[in-house]
């Protein structure tokens, strides 16, 4: 049985719903993971929105300050977000 908590800090970018305004709280993982997000222009504190979710565990398309970025499932699971609206 899965326990539901009110803590939004445990929500990953991949688990977040489409079209919700999100704030990135934490990027977990090693230096390579953080470097990948840095190259995409995504950093802690940024506001993002999931625009499209590919089926069968495919990548997400995220709007980050007007730029659209595709993020694979494994990377998206390493990002902790907070739902703003």
Protein backbone atom coordinates (compact mmCIF):
# COMPACT_ATOMS: atom_id res chain seq x y z
CA UNK A 1 0.00 0.00 0.00
CA UNK A 2 1.38 3.40 -0.98
CA UNK A 3 1.31 6.09 1.66
CA UNK A 4 0.32 9.58 0.54
CA UNK A 5 2.11 12.50 2.20
CA UNK A 6 1.69 16.26 1.96
CA UNK A 7 5.38 16.81 1.33
CA UNK A 8 5.83 18.18 -2.20
CA UNK A 9 9.61 17.93 -1.95
CA UNK A 10 9.33 14.20 -2.67
CA UNK A 11 7.62 14.79 -6.01
CA UNK A 12 9.88 14.24 -9.01
CA UNK A 13 9.59 16.19 -12.24
CA UNK A 14 8.51 12.98 -13.95
CA UNK A 15 5.66 12.47 -11.45
CA UNK A 16 4.37 16.04 -11.72
CA UNK A 17 1.23 16.64 -13.72
CA UNK A 18 1.13 18.25 -17.14
CA UNK A 19 0.59 22.02 -17.41
CA UNK A 20 1.28 22.65 -13.72
CA UNK A 21 3.61 25.48 -12.75
CA UNK A 22 6.56 23.91 -10.95
CA UNK A 23 9.60 25.17 -9.09
CA UNK A 24 12.76 23.08 -9.07
CA UNK A 25 13.80 22.42 -5.49
CA UNK A 26 16.68 19.99 -5.89
CA UNK A 27 18.64 18.19 -8.57
CA UNK A 28 19.95 14.92 -7.18
CA UNK A 29 22.65 12.80 -8.69
CA UNK A 30 26.31 13.07 -9.46
CA UNK A 31 28.28 15.80 -11.19
CA UNK A 32 27.39 14.46 -14.64
CA UNK A 33 23.65 14.75 -13.93
CA UNK A 34 23.97 18.32 -12.65
CA UNK A 35 26.16 19.19 -15.64
CA UNK A 36 23.49 17.84 -18.02
CA UNK A 37 20.84 20.08 -16.47
CA UNK A 38 23.21 23.02 -16.47
CA UNK A 39 23.77 22.56 -20.21
CA UNK A 40 19.99 22.52 -20.71
CA UNK A 41 19.74 25.77 -18.76
CA UNK A 42 17.81 24.20 -15.88
CA UNK A 43 18.87 25.08 -12.35
CA UNK A 44 17.53 24.93 -8.82
CA UNK A 45 14.93 27.65 -8.27
CA UNK A 46 13.77 27.78 -11.90
CA UNK A 47 10.05 27.76 -12.74
CA UNK A 48 9.16 25.14 -15.33
CA UNK A 49 6.06 23.62 -16.90
CA UNK A 50 5.63 20.15 -18.41
CA UNK A 51 4.21 20.67 -21.91
CA UNK A 52 4.17 17.13 -23.28
CA UNK A 53 4.77 13.64 -21.98
CA UNK A 54 5.71 10.91 -24.47
CA UNK A 55 3.99 7.56 -23.96
CA UNK A 56 5.58 4.43 -22.51
CA UNK A 57 8.08 6.19 -20.25
CA UNK A 58 9.42 8.45 -22.96
CA UNK A 59 10.85 11.93 -22.46
CA UNK A 60 9.07 15.02 -21.20
CA UNK A 61 9.04 18.33 -23.02
CA UNK A 62 9.48 21.11 -20.49
CA UNK A 63 9.08 24.87 -20.91
CA UNK A 64 11.89 26.63 -19.06
CA UNK A 65 11.71 30.42 -19.40
CA UNK A 66 10.50 30.21 -23.01
CA UNK A 67 12.86 27.42 -24.08
CA UNK A 68 11.47 23.95 -24.75
CA UNK A 69 13.71 21.15 -23.52
CA UNK A 70 13.25 17.38 -23.80
CA UNK A 71 14.25 15.49 -20.65
CA UNK A 72 14.46 11.70 -20.47
CA UNK A 73 12.64 9.78 -17.76
CA UNK A 74 15.79 8.83 -15.84
CA UNK A 75 16.97 12.46 -15.64
CA UNK A 76 13.48 13.78 -14.85
CA UNK A 77 13.26 11.40 -11.88
CA UNK A 78 16.36 13.06 -10.38
CA UNK A 79 14.67 16.47 -10.15
CA UNK A 80 12.55 17.30 -7.09
CA UNK A 81 9.85 19.90 -7.68
CA UNK A 82 7.17 21.87 -5.88
CA UNK A 83 3.78 22.53 -7.47
CA UNK A 84 3.04 26.27 -7.57
CA UNK A 85 -0.44 26.16 -9.15
